[in-house]
Amino acid sequence: MTTLRHIKDIATRAEATLLQDAVGVAALAVMLVVGLHLPALI
């Protein structure tokens, strides 16, 4: 089994939660950026 096929199989099985995971990653990125810029605002 190739690595690409393995990743494709995982993505197919987790298709229901893929959008939720992407939203979670975006939220974490926003919190990181805000947290890093917060000391400059205070």
PDB file of N, CA and C in Angstrom:
ATOM      1  N   MET A   1       0.842  -1.177   0.000  1.00  0.00           N
ATOM      2  CA  MET A   1       0.000   0.000   0.000  1.00  0.00           C
ATOM      3  C   MET A   1       0.891   1.246   0.000  1.00  0.00           C
ATOM      4  N   THR A   2       0.664   2.104  -0.937  1.00  0.00           N
ATOM      5  CA  THR A   2       1.470   3.310  -1.022  1.00  0.00           C
ATOM      6  C   THR A   2       0.997   4.346  -0.012  1.00  0.00           C
ATOM      7  N   THR A   3       1.849   5.287   0.258  1.00  0.00           N
ATOM      8  CA  THR A   3       1.521   6.338   1.222  1.00  0.00           C
ATOM      9  C   THR A   3       0.339   7.167   0.737  1.00  0.00           C
ATOM     10  N   LEU A   4       0.318   7.498  -0.530  1.00  0.00           N
ATOM     11  CA  LEU A   4      -0.776   8.313  -1.079  1.00  0.00           C
ATOM     12  C   LEU A   4      -2.113   7.589  -0.957  1.00  0.00           C
ATOM     13  N   ARG A   5      -2.113   6.300  -1.231  1.00  0.00           N
ATOM     14  CA  ARG A   5      -3.358   5.525  -1.109  1.00  0.00           C
ATOM     15  C   ARG A   5      -3.804   5.449   0.348  1.00  0.00           C
ATOM     16  N   HIS A   6      -2.846   5.307   1.243  1.00  0.00           N
ATOM     17  CA  HIS A   6      -3.157   5.250   2.671  1.00  0.00           C
ATOM     18  C   HIS A   6      -3.793   6.571   3.133  1.00  0.00           C
ATOM     19  N   ILE A   7      -3.247   7.687   2.715  1.00  0.00           N
ATOM     20  CA  ILE A   7      -3.799   9.004   3.065  1.00  0.00           C
ATOM     21  C   ILE A   7      -5.193   9.165   2.464  1.00  0.00           C
ATOM     22  N   LYS A   8      -5.384   8.710   1.240  1.00  0.00           N
ATOM     23  CA  LYS A   8      -6.698   8.789   0.593  1.00  0.00           C
ATOM     24  C   LYS A   8      -7.726   7.954   1.349  1.00  0.00           C
ATOM     25  N   ASP A   9      -7.345   6.768   1.803  1.00  0.00           N
ATOM     26  CA  ASP A   9      -8.257   5.918   2.571  1.00  0.00           C
ATOM     27  C   ASP A   9      -8.641   6.586   3.888  1.00  0.00           C
ATOM     28  N   ILE A  10      -7.693   7.197   4.558  1.00  0.00           N
ATOM     29  CA  ILE A  10      -7.976   7.891   5.817  1.00  0.00           C
ATOM     30  C   ILE A  10      -8.929   9.053   5.575  1.00  0.00           C
ATOM     31  N   ALA A  11      -8.687   9.830   4.528  1.00  0.00           N
ATOM     32  CA  ALA A  11      -9.552  10.970   4.211  1.00  0.00           C
ATOM     33  C   ALA A  11     -10.963  10.504   3.865  1.00  0.00           C
ATOM     34  N   THR A  12     -11.091   9.374   3.206  1.00  0.00           N
ATOM     35  CA  THR A  12     -12.410   8.849   2.854  1.00  0.00           C
ATOM     36  C   THR A  12     -13.170   8.417   4.101  1.00  0.00           C
ATOM     37  N   ARG A  13     -12.489   7.773   5.038  1.00  0.00           N
ATOM     38  CA  ARG A  13     -13.144   7.323   6.273  1.00  0.00           C
ATOM     39  C   ARG A  13     -13.531   8.494   7.165  1.00  0.00           C
ATOM     40  N   ALA A  14     -12.737   9.561   7.150  1.00  0.00           N
ATOM     41  CA  ALA A  14     -12.967  10.701   8.042  1.00  0.00           C
ATOM     42  C   ALA A  14     -13.678  11.853   7.333  1.00  0.00           C
ATOM     43  N   GLU A  15     -14.358  11.557   6.252  1.00  0.00           N
ATOM     44  CA  GLU A  15     -14.985  12.612   5.451  1.00  0.00           C
ATOM     45  C   GLU A  15     -16.035  13.387   6.240  1.00  0.00           C
ATOM     46  N   ALA A  16     -16.714  12.725   7.160  1.00  0.00           N
ATOM     47  CA  ALA A  16     -17.785  13.376   7.928  1.00  0.00           C
ATOM     48  C   ALA A  16     -17.232  14.456   8.852  1.00  0.00           C
ATOM     49  N   THR A  17     -16.042  14.270   9.372  1.00  0.00           N
ATOM     50  CA  THR A  17     -15.482  15.218  10.339  1.00  0.00           C
ATOM     51  C   THR A  17     -14.417  16.119   9.723  1.00  0.00           C
ATOM     52  N   LEU A  18     -14.192  15.989   8.426  1.00  0.00           N
ATOM     53  CA  LEU A  18     -13.133  16.767   7.777  1.00  0.00           C
ATOM     54  C   LEU A  18     -13.409  18.268   7.858  1.00  0.00           C
ATOM     55  N   LEU A  19     -14.636  18.687   7.651  1.00  0.00           N
ATOM     56  CA  LEU A  19     -14.994  20.107   7.719  1.00  0.00           C
ATOM     57  C   LEU A  19     -14.833  20.632   9.141  1.00  0.00           C
ATOM     58  N   GLN A  20     -15.264  19.845  10.118  1.00  0.00           N
ATOM     59  CA  GLN A  20     -15.117  20.256  11.516  1.00  0.00           C
ATOM     60  C   GLN A  20     -13.643  20.406  11.881  1.00  0.00           C
ATOM     61  N   ASP A  21     -12.809  19.496  11.399  1.00  0.00           N
ATOM     62  CA  ASP A  21     -11.374  19.586  11.672  1.00  0.00           C
ATOM     63  C   ASP A  21     -10.776  20.842  11.038  1.00  0.00           C
ATOM     64  N   ALA A  22     -11.209  21.171   9.822  1.00  0.00           N
ATOM     65  CA  ALA A  22     -10.697  22.364   9.144  1.00  0.00           C
ATOM     66  C   ALA A  22     -11.114  23.631   9.891  1.00  0.00           C
ATOM     67  N   VAL A  23     -12.338  23.663  10.387  1.00  0.00           N
ATOM     68  CA  VAL A  23     -12.804  24.817  11.164  1.00  0.00           C
ATOM     69  C   VAL A  23     -12.002  24.931  12.453  1.00  0.00           C
ATOM     70  N   GLY A  24     -11.719  23.811  13.089  1.00  0.00           N
ATOM     71  CA  GLY A  24     -10.914  23.809  14.305  1.00  0.00           C
ATOM     72  C   GLY A  24      -9.514  24.325  14.070  1.00  0.00           C
ATOM     73  N   VAL A  25      -8.896  23.915  12.979  1.00  0.00           N
ATOM     74  CA  VAL A  25      -7.547  24.388  12.643  1.00  0.00           C
ATOM     75  C   VAL A  25      -7.566  25.889  12.382  1.00  0.00           C
ATOM     76  N   ALA A  26      -8.587  26.371  11.685  1.00  0.00           N
ATOM     77  CA  ALA A  26      -8.699  27.806  11.417  1.00  0.00           C
ATOM     78  C   ALA A  26      -8.878  28.589  12.717  1.00  0.00           C
ATOM     79  N   ALA A  27      -9.680  28.064  13.632  1.00  0.00           N
ATOM     80  CA  ALA A  27      -9.893  28.738  14.917  1.00  0.00           C
ATOM     81  C   ALA A  27      -8.602  28.798  15.723  1.00  0.00           C
ATOM     82  N   LEU A  28      -7.839  27.707  15.722  1.00  0.00           N
ATOM     83  CA  LEU A  28      -6.555  27.700  16.429  1.00  0.00           C
ATOM     84  C   LEU A  28      -5.577  28.704  15.821  1.00  0.00           C
ATOM     85  N   ALA A  29      -5.575  28.814  14.491  1.00  0.00           N
ATOM     86  CA  ALA A  29      -4.690  29.767  13.824  1.00  0.00           C
ATOM     87  C   ALA A  29      -5.063  31.197  14.195  1.00  0.00           C
ATOM     88  N   VAL A  30      -6.363  31.494  14.235  1.00  0.00           N
ATOM     89  CA  VAL A  30      -6.818  32.834  14.613  1.00  0.00           C
ATOM     90  C   VAL A  30      -6.418  33.150  16.048  1.00  0.00           C
ATOM     91  N   MET A  31      -6.615  32.182  16.953  1.00  0.00           N
ATOM     92  CA  MET A  31      -6.243  32.404  18.357  1.00  0.00           C
ATOM     93  C   MET A  31      -4.739  32.620  18.504  1.00  0.00           C
ATOM     94  N   LEU A  32      -3.945  31.913  17.722  1.00  0.00           N
ATOM     95  CA  LEU A  32      -2.494  32.089  17.773  1.00  0.00           C
ATOM     96  C   LEU A  32      -2.094  33.490  17.320  1.00  0.00           C
ATOM     97  N   VAL A  33      -2.655  33.935  16.200  1.00  0.00           N
ATOM     98  CA  VAL A  33      -2.323  35.259  15.679  1.00  0.00           C
ATOM     99  C   VAL A  33      -2.765  36.344  16.658  1.00  0.00           C
ATOM    100  N   VAL A  34      -3.975  36.228  17.197  1.00  0.00           N
ATOM    101  CA  VAL A  34      -4.467  37.213  18.161  1.00  0.00           C
ATOM    102  C   VAL A  34      -3.598  37.201  19.412  1.00  0.00           C
ATOM    103  N   GLY A  35      -3.254  36.016  19.889  1.00  0.00           N
ATOM    104  CA  GLY A  35      -2.414  35.909  21.077  1.00  0.00           C
ATOM    105  C   GLY A  35      -1.038  36.519  20.889  1.00  0.00           C
ATOM    106  N   LEU A  36      -0.488  36.387  19.704  1.00  0.00           N
ATOM    107  CA  LEU A  36       0.830  36.956  19.444  1.00  0.00           C
ATOM    108  C   LEU A  36       0.781  38.479  19.299  1.00  0.00           C
ATOM    109  N   HIS A  37      -0.348  39.011  18.827  1.00  0.00           N
ATOM    110  CA  HIS A  37      -0.466  40.448  18.650  1.00  0.00           C
ATOM    111  C   HIS A  37      -1.037  41.171  19.873  1.00  0.00           C
ATOM    112  N   LEU A  38      -1.567  40.426  20.815  1.00  0.00           N
ATOM    113  CA  LEU A  38      -2.194  41.010  21.988  1.00  0.00           C
ATOM    114  C   LEU A  38      -1.252  41.887  22.829  1.00  0.00           C
ATOM    115  N   PRO A  39      -0.017  41.468  23.074  1.00  0.00           N
ATOM    116  CA  PRO A  39       0.876  42.334  23.871  1.00  0.00           C
ATOM    117  C   PRO A  39       1.133  43.702  23.218  1.00  0.00           C
ATOM    118  N   ALA A  40       1.087  43.775  21.899  1.00  0.00           N
ATOM    119  CA  ALA A  40       1.310  45.044  21.212  1.00  0.00           C
ATOM    120  C   ALA A  40       0.120  45.992  21.384  1.00  0.00           C
ATOM    121  N   LEU A  41      -1.045  45.452  21.661  1.00  0.00           N
ATOM    122  CA  LEU A  41      -2.243  46.271  21.786  1.00  0.00           C
ATOM    123  C   LEU A  41      -2.427  46.825  23.203  1.00  0.00           C
ATOM    124  N   ILE A  42      -1.789  46.165  24.152  1.00  0.00           N
ATOM    125  CA  ILE A  42      -1.970  46.583  25.551  1.00  0.00           C
ATOM    126  C   ILE A  42      -0.924  47.597  25.930  1.00  0.00           C
TER     127      ILE A  42
END
